[in-house]
Amino acid sequence: MDKTRFSSGMEVRRSVLGDAHVDRADAAKTDFDEPFQTLITEGAWGTVWASDAIDLRDRSMLTLALLAATGNFDEIPMHIRATANTGASKDDVMQAFLHVAIYAGVPKANHAIKLAKQTYAEMEAGTT
């Protein structure tokens, strides 16, 4: 394990996803999935998200667009909630999904927008 990248990754992961989310993920971690959790903390969070090449707002929009475009919808609600910490507005997210509609397909964008609407409603109601 690269302790520097892991520590940096955990710091960025917490700042983007929030302590509660990371604490839940850490509590659910088992010996089986610990290597995967280490991989994403070091790679995704400690390398990609920790880079200052682009800001967190833009990373949020890229991540949401890529998740939608590739049909990986399970993580869209988590990353919609993260926009509260990254500064990506609802309008920013809609623009990302409009790009998805044009370049990856209307059904994928439609489903991502449905998930975003549900998640924003939960956030506004304080139920997430």
N, C-alpha and C. Protein backbone atom coordinates (compact mmCIF):
# COMPACT_ATOMS: atom_id res chain seq x y z
N MET A 1 0.86 -1.19 0.00
CA MET A 1 0.00 0.00 0.00
C MET A 1 0.89 1.24 0.00
N ASP A 2 0.55 2.19 -0.83
CA ASP A 2 1.24 3.48 -0.88
C ASP A 2 0.56 4.39 0.15
N LYS A 3 1.19 4.54 1.31
CA LYS A 3 0.55 5.27 2.41
C LYS A 3 0.28 6.73 2.08
N THR A 4 1.14 7.36 1.28
CA THR A 4 0.93 8.75 0.91
C THR A 4 -0.29 8.89 0.01
N ARG A 5 -0.35 8.06 -1.04
CA ARG A 5 -1.51 8.13 -1.93
C ARG A 5 -2.78 7.70 -1.21
N PHE A 6 -2.68 6.72 -0.33
CA PHE A 6 -3.86 6.28 0.42
C PHE A 6 -4.36 7.41 1.31
N SER A 7 -3.45 8.05 2.05
CA SER A 7 -3.85 9.16 2.93
C SER A 7 -4.43 10.31 2.15
N SER A 8 -3.77 10.68 1.05
CA SER A 8 -4.27 11.74 0.20
C SER A 8 -5.63 11.37 -0.38
N GLY A 9 -5.75 10.12 -0.83
CA GLY A 9 -7.01 9.64 -1.39
C GLY A 9 -8.13 9.66 -0.38
N MET A 10 -7.84 9.25 0.84
CA MET A 10 -8.87 9.25 1.88
C MET A 10 -9.31 10.68 2.20
N GLU A 11 -8.36 11.61 2.20
CA GLU A 11 -8.70 13.00 2.47
C GLU A 11 -9.61 13.56 1.38
N VAL A 12 -9.27 13.31 0.12
CA VAL A 12 -10.09 13.80 -0.99
C VAL A 12 -11.43 13.08 -1.00
N ARG A 13 -11.42 11.79 -0.80
CA ARG A 13 -12.67 11.00 -0.77
C ARG A 13 -13.63 11.56 0.27
N ARG A 14 -13.10 11.85 1.46
CA ARG A 14 -13.95 12.43 2.52
C ARG A 14 -14.45 13.82 2.14
N SER A 15 -13.61 14.63 1.52
CA SER A 15 -14.03 15.99 1.17
C SER A 15 -15.10 15.98 0.08
N VAL A 16 -15.05 15.00 -0.82
CA VAL A 16 -16.01 14.93 -1.92
C VAL A 16 -17.28 14.20 -1.50
N LEU A 17 -17.13 13.02 -0.92
CA LEU A 17 -18.29 12.18 -0.60
C LEU A 17 -18.86 12.42 0.80
N GLY A 18 -18.07 13.01 1.67
CA GLY A 18 -18.51 13.27 3.04
C GLY A 18 -18.08 12.16 3.99
N ASP A 19 -17.86 12.55 5.22
CA ASP A 19 -17.41 11.59 6.24
C ASP A 19 -18.40 10.45 6.45
N ALA A 20 -19.68 10.76 6.46
CA ALA A 20 -20.69 9.72 6.73
C ALA A 20 -20.62 8.62 5.69
N HIS A 21 -20.52 8.99 4.42
CA HIS A 21 -20.46 7.99 3.35
C HIS A 21 -19.20 7.14 3.48
N VAL A 22 -18.07 7.79 3.68
CA VAL A 22 -16.80 7.06 3.77
C VAL A 22 -16.78 6.18 5.01
N ASP A 23 -17.32 6.67 6.11
CA ASP A 23 -17.39 5.86 7.34
C ASP A 23 -18.25 4.62 7.13
N ARG A 24 -19.38 4.77 6.41
CA ARG A 24 -20.23 3.61 6.12
C ARG A 24 -19.49 2.60 5.24
N ALA A 25 -18.80 3.09 4.22
CA ALA A 25 -18.05 2.20 3.33
C ALA A 25 -16.94 1.49 4.09
N ASP A 26 -16.28 2.21 4.95
CA ASP A 26 -15.18 1.61 5.73
C ASP A 26 -15.72 0.56 6.70
N ALA A 27 -16.87 0.84 7.31
CA ALA A 27 -17.47 -0.11 8.25
C ALA A 27 -17.94 -1.38 7.55
N ALA A 28 -18.31 -1.25 6.29
CA ALA A 28 -18.81 -2.40 5.53
C ALA A 28 -17.67 -3.21 4.90
N LYS A 29 -16.46 -2.69 4.95
CA LYS A 29 -15.31 -3.34 4.32
C LYS A 29 -15.00 -4.67 5.02
N THR A 30 -14.68 -5.67 4.23
CA THR A 30 -14.30 -6.98 4.76
C THR A 30 -12.90 -7.32 4.24
N ASP A 31 -12.36 -8.42 4.73
CA ASP A 31 -11.07 -8.88 4.23
C ASP A 31 -11.14 -9.13 2.72
N PHE A 32 -12.31 -9.58 2.25
CA PHE A 32 -12.48 -9.89 0.83
C PHE A 32 -12.34 -8.66 -0.04
N ASP A 33 -13.03 -7.55 0.32
CA ASP A 33 -13.01 -6.38 -0.55
C ASP A 33 -12.01 -5.30 -0.14
N GLU A 34 -11.23 -5.56 0.88
CA GLU A 34 -10.23 -4.57 1.30
C GLU A 34 -9.25 -4.22 0.17
N PRO A 35 -8.77 -5.18 -0.62
CA PRO A 35 -7.87 -4.80 -1.73
C PRO A 35 -8.53 -3.84 -2.74
N PHE A 36 -9.81 -4.05 -2.99
CA PHE A 36 -10.53 -3.16 -3.91
C PHE A 36 -10.66 -1.76 -3.30
N GLN A 37 -11.02 -1.69 -2.01
CA GLN A 37 -11.16 -0.40 -1.35
C GLN A 37 -9.83 0.36 -1.36
N THR A 38 -8.73 -0.36 -1.16
CA THR A 38 -7.41 0.26 -1.21
C THR A 38 -7.12 0.77 -2.62
N LEU A 39 -7.43 -0.04 -3.61
CA LEU A 39 -7.22 0.34 -5.01
C LEU A 39 -7.95 1.63 -5.36
N ILE A 40 -9.24 1.72 -5.03
CA ILE A 40 -9.98 2.93 -5.41
C ILE A 40 -9.55 4.14 -4.57
N THR A 41 -9.17 3.90 -3.31
CA THR A 41 -8.72 5.02 -2.50
C THR A 41 -7.41 5.57 -3.04
N GLU A 42 -6.47 4.70 -3.40
CA GLU A 42 -5.19 5.16 -3.94
C GLU A 42 -5.31 5.65 -5.38
N GLY A 43 -6.00 4.87 -6.21
CA GLY A 43 -6.05 5.19 -7.64
C GLY A 43 -7.02 6.29 -7.98
N ALA A 44 -8.30 6.03 -7.70
CA ALA A 44 -9.32 7.02 -8.07
C ALA A 44 -9.19 8.30 -7.24
N TRP A 45 -9.12 8.14 -5.93
CA TRP A 45 -9.14 9.31 -5.05
C TRP A 45 -7.75 9.90 -4.83
N GLY A 46 -6.72 9.07 -4.65
CA GLY A 46 -5.39 9.56 -4.33
C GLY A 46 -4.58 9.99 -5.54
N THR A 47 -4.99 9.58 -6.73
CA THR A 47 -4.28 9.96 -7.95
C THR A 47 -5.14 10.88 -8.80
N VAL A 48 -6.29 10.39 -9.27
CA VAL A 48 -7.11 11.16 -10.21
C VAL A 48 -7.79 12.34 -9.52
N TRP A 49 -8.61 12.07 -8.51
CA TRP A 49 -9.35 13.15 -7.86
C TRP A 49 -8.43 14.10 -7.09
N ALA A 50 -7.28 13.63 -6.63
CA ALA A 50 -6.36 14.48 -5.87
C ALA A 50 -5.54 15.41 -6.76
N SER A 51 -5.50 15.14 -8.05
CA SER A 51 -4.74 15.99 -8.97
C SER A 51 -5.36 17.38 -9.03
N ASP A 52 -4.51 18.38 -9.09
CA ASP A 52 -5.03 19.75 -9.21
C ASP A 52 -5.07 20.22 -10.67
N ALA A 53 -4.97 19.27 -11.60
CA ALA A 53 -5.01 19.62 -13.03
C ALA A 53 -6.37 20.21 -13.43
N ILE A 54 -7.44 19.70 -12.85
CA ILE A 54 -8.78 20.29 -13.03
C ILE A 54 -9.45 20.34 -11.67
N ASP A 55 -10.42 21.22 -11.52
CA ASP A 55 -11.04 21.39 -10.20
C ASP A 55 -12.12 20.33 -9.94
N LEU A 56 -12.55 20.28 -8.69
CA LEU A 56 -13.52 19.26 -8.27
C LEU A 56 -14.87 19.42 -8.96
N ARG A 57 -15.26 20.64 -9.25
CA ARG A 57 -16.52 20.88 -9.96
C ARG A 57 -16.48 20.18 -11.32
N ASP A 58 -15.41 20.41 -12.06
CA ASP A 58 -15.29 19.80 -13.38
C ASP A 58 -15.17 18.28 -13.27
N ARG A 59 -14.46 17.79 -12.25
CA ARG A 59 -14.36 16.34 -12.06
C ARG A 59 -15.74 15.73 -11.80
N SER A 60 -16.56 16.42 -11.04
CA SER A 60 -17.92 15.93 -10.79
C SER A 60 -18.69 15.80 -12.09
N MET A 61 -18.63 16.83 -12.92
CA MET A 61 -19.36 16.81 -14.18
C MET A 61 -18.83 15.71 -15.10
N LEU A 62 -17.51 15.57 -15.17
CA LEU A 62 -16.92 14.50 -15.99
C LEU A 62 -17.34 13.13 -15.48
N THR A 63 -17.27 12.95 -14.18
CA THR A 63 -17.61 11.65 -13.58
C THR A 63 -19.06 11.30 -13.86
N LEU A 64 -19.96 12.24 -13.63
CA LEU A 64 -21.38 11.99 -13.88
C LEU A 64 -21.64 11.69 -15.35
N ALA A 65 -21.02 12.44 -16.24
CA ALA A 65 -21.21 12.19 -17.67
C ALA A 65 -20.68 10.81 -18.07
N LEU A 66 -19.51 10.46 -17.55
CA LEU A 66 -18.93 9.15 -17.89
C LEU A 66 -19.75 8.01 -17.31
N LEU A 67 -20.22 8.16 -16.09
CA LEU A 67 -21.06 7.11 -15.49
C LEU A 67 -22.32 6.91 -16.34
N ALA A 68 -22.95 8.01 -16.73
CA ALA A 68 -24.17 7.91 -17.54
C ALA A 68 -23.87 7.34 -18.92
N ALA A 69 -22.82 7.84 -19.55
CA ALA A 69 -22.50 7.42 -20.92
C ALA A 69 -22.15 5.94 -21.00
N THR A 70 -21.55 5.42 -19.95
CA THR A 70 -21.18 4.00 -19.94
C THR A 70 -22.25 3.11 -19.31
N GLY A 71 -23.35 3.72 -18.88
CA GLY A 71 -24.44 2.94 -18.31
C GLY A 71 -24.17 2.43 -16.90
N ASN A 72 -23.23 3.06 -16.21
CA ASN A 72 -22.91 2.69 -14.82
C ASN A 72 -23.72 3.58 -13.87
N PHE A 73 -24.99 3.28 -13.78
CA PHE A 73 -25.94 4.15 -13.09
C PHE A 73 -25.91 4.03 -11.57
N ASP A 74 -25.39 2.94 -11.03
CA ASP A 74 -25.44 2.73 -9.58
C ASP A 74 -24.75 3.83 -8.78
N GLU A 75 -23.70 4.42 -9.33
CA GLU A 75 -22.95 5.43 -8.59
C GLU A 75 -23.42 6.86 -8.86
N ILE A 76 -24.38 7.03 -9.75
CA ILE A 76 -24.85 8.39 -10.05
C ILE A 76 -25.43 9.08 -8.82
N PRO A 77 -26.31 8.44 -8.04
CA PRO A 77 -26.82 9.14 -6.85
C PRO A 77 -25.71 9.59 -5.89
N MET A 78 -24.71 8.74 -5.68
CA MET A 78 -23.60 9.10 -4.80
C MET A 78 -22.88 10.34 -5.33
N HIS A 79 -22.66 10.39 -6.63
CA HIS A 79 -21.94 11.53 -7.19
C HIS A 79 -22.82 12.76 -7.33
N ILE A 80 -24.13 12.59 -7.41
CA ILE A 80 -25.04 13.75 -7.34
C ILE A 80 -24.94 14.36 -5.94
N ARG A 81 -24.99 13.51 -4.91
CA ARG A 81 -24.86 14.02 -3.54
C ARG A 81 -23.52 14.73 -3.35
N ALA A 82 -22.47 14.22 -3.99
CA ALA A 82 -21.14 14.83 -3.87
C ALA A 82 -21.08 16.23 -4.45
N THR A 83 -21.98 16.57 -5.37
CA THR A 83 -21.95 17.91 -5.96
C THR A 83 -22.14 19.00 -4.90
N ALA A 84 -22.76 18.66 -3.78
CA ALA A 84 -22.90 19.62 -2.69
C ALA A 84 -21.53 20.02 -2.14
N ASN A 85 -20.54 19.15 -2.33
CA ASN A 85 -19.18 19.42 -1.84
C ASN A 85 -18.22 19.88 -2.94
N THR A 86 -18.57 19.62 -4.19
CA THR A 86 -17.64 19.94 -5.28
C THR A 86 -17.98 21.24 -5.99
N GLY A 87 -19.18 21.74 -5.77
CA GLY A 87 -19.57 23.00 -6.41
C GLY A 87 -20.25 22.87 -7.75
N ALA A 88 -20.47 21.65 -8.22
CA ALA A 88 -21.21 21.48 -9.48
C ALA A 88 -22.69 21.73 -9.21
N SER A 89 -23.25 22.67 -9.92
CA SER A 89 -24.66 23.04 -9.72
C SER A 89 -25.57 22.07 -10.49
N LYS A 90 -26.86 22.20 -10.21
CA LYS A 90 -27.84 21.41 -10.97
C LYS A 90 -27.73 21.72 -12.47
N ASP A 91 -27.54 22.99 -12.79
CA ASP A 91 -27.40 23.37 -14.20
C ASP A 91 -26.15 22.74 -14.82
N ASP A 92 -25.06 22.71 -14.06
CA ASP A 92 -23.84 22.06 -14.54
C ASP A 92 -24.10 20.59 -14.85
N VAL A 93 -24.77 19.92 -13.93
CA VAL A 93 -25.05 18.49 -14.09
C VAL A 93 -25.96 18.27 -15.30
N MET A 94 -26.96 19.11 -15.46
CA MET A 94 -27.84 18.98 -16.63
C MET A 94 -27.05 19.16 -17.92
N GLN A 95 -26.13 20.11 -17.95
CA GLN A 95 -25.31 20.30 -19.15
C GLN A 95 -24.48 19.05 -19.45
N ALA A 96 -23.95 18.42 -18.41
CA ALA A 96 -23.19 17.18 -18.60
C ALA A 96 -24.09 16.09 -19.19
N PHE A 97 -25.31 15.98 -18.67
CA PHE A 97 -26.22 14.96 -19.16
C PHE A 97 -26.74 15.27 -20.57
N LEU A 98 -26.85 16.54 -20.93
CA LEU A 98 -27.20 16.90 -22.30
C LEU A 98 -26.11 16.43 -23.27
N HIS A 99 -24.87 16.55 -22.86
CA HIS A 99 -23.77 16.03 -23.68
C HIS A 99 -23.89 14.52 -23.82
N VAL A 100 -24.25 13.86 -22.73
CA VAL A 100 -24.43 12.41 -22.79
C VAL A 100 -25.51 12.07 -23.82
N ALA A 101 -26.60 12.81 -23.80
CA ALA A 101 -27.70 12.53 -24.73
C ALA A 101 -27.22 12.59 -26.18
N ILE A 102 -26.42 13.60 -26.50
CA ILE A 102 -25.95 13.78 -27.88
C ILE A 102 -24.89 12.76 -28.26
N TYR A 103 -23.94 12.53 -27.37
CA TYR A 103 -22.78 11.72 -27.73
C TYR A 103 -22.86 10.25 -27.31
N ALA A 104 -23.77 9.91 -26.39
CA ALA A 104 -23.84 8.51 -25.94
C ALA A 104 -25.24 7.93 -26.00
N GLY A 105 -26.25 8.78 -26.16
CA GLY A 105 -27.60 8.27 -26.32
C GLY A 105 -28.61 8.85 -25.35
N VAL A 106 -29.78 9.14 -25.90
CA VAL A 106 -30.87 9.72 -25.12
C VAL A 106 -31.32 8.81 -23.98
N PRO A 107 -31.47 7.50 -24.18
CA PRO A 107 -31.93 6.65 -23.06
C PRO A 107 -30.98 6.70 -21.85
N LYS A 108 -29.69 6.74 -22.09
CA LYS A 108 -28.74 6.81 -20.97
C LYS A 108 -28.87 8.15 -20.25
N ALA A 109 -28.97 9.22 -21.00
CA ALA A 109 -29.14 10.53 -20.37
C ALA A 109 -30.46 10.60 -19.63
N ASN A 110 -31.51 10.07 -20.22
CA ASN A 110 -32.83 10.08 -19.60
C ASN A 110 -32.80 9.37 -18.24
N HIS A 111 -32.15 8.21 -18.20
CA HIS A 111 -32.09 7.47 -16.94
C HIS A 111 -31.23 8.22 -15.91
N ALA A 112 -30.13 8.80 -16.34
CA ALA A 112 -29.28 9.56 -15.43
C ALA A 112 -30.04 10.76 -14.87
N ILE A 113 -30.81 11.44 -15.70
CA ILE A 113 -31.60 12.59 -15.25
C ILE A 113 -32.65 12.15 -14.25
N LYS A 114 -33.28 11.02 -14.50
CA LYS A 114 -34.27 10.48 -13.55
C LYS A 114 -33.61 10.24 -12.19
N LEU A 115 -32.44 9.62 -12.18
CA LEU A 115 -31.73 9.37 -10.93
C LEU A 115 -31.32 10.67 -10.25
N ALA A 116 -30.87 11.63 -11.03
CA ALA A 116 -30.47 12.92 -10.47
C ALA A 116 -31.67 13.63 -9.83
N LYS A 117 -32.81 13.62 -10.52
CA LYS A 117 -34.01 14.26 -9.97
C LYS A 117 -34.40 13.63 -8.64
N GLN A 118 -34.39 12.30 -8.59
CA GLN A 118 -34.73 11.60 -7.34
C GLN A 118 -33.76 11.96 -6.22
N THR A 119 -32.48 11.98 -6.56
CA THR A 119 -31.47 12.26 -5.55
C THR A 119 -31.53 13.71 -5.07
N TYR A 120 -31.71 14.66 -5.98
CA TYR A 120 -31.86 16.06 -5.57
C TYR A 120 -33.09 16.22 -4.68
N ALA A 121 -34.19 15.55 -5.01
CA ALA A 121 -35.39 15.64 -4.17
C ALA A 121 -35.13 15.10 -2.77
N GLU A 122 -34.40 13.96 -2.69
CA GLU A 122 -34.03 13.42 -1.37
C GLU A 122 -33.13 14.37 -0.60
N MET A 123 -32.20 14.99 -1.30
CA MET A 123 -31.29 15.94 -0.64
C MET A 123 -32.07 17.13 -0.10
N GLU A 124 -32.99 17.63 -0.89
CA GLU A 124 -33.79 18.79 -0.47
C GLU A 124 -34.72 18.43 0.69
N ALA A 125 -35.17 17.18 0.72
CA ALA A 125 -36.05 16.74 1.80
C ALA A 125 -35.25 16.32 3.04
N GLY A 126 -33.93 16.25 2.88
CA GLY A 126 -33.08 15.85 4.00
C GLY A 126 -33.14 14.36 4.31
N THR A 127 -33.47 13.55 3.30
CA THR A 127 -33.62 12.11 3.56
C THR A 127 -32.43 11.29 3.06
N THR A 128 -31.32 11.93 2.67
CA THR A 128 -30.15 11.15 2.27
C THR A 128 -28.94 11.52 3.07
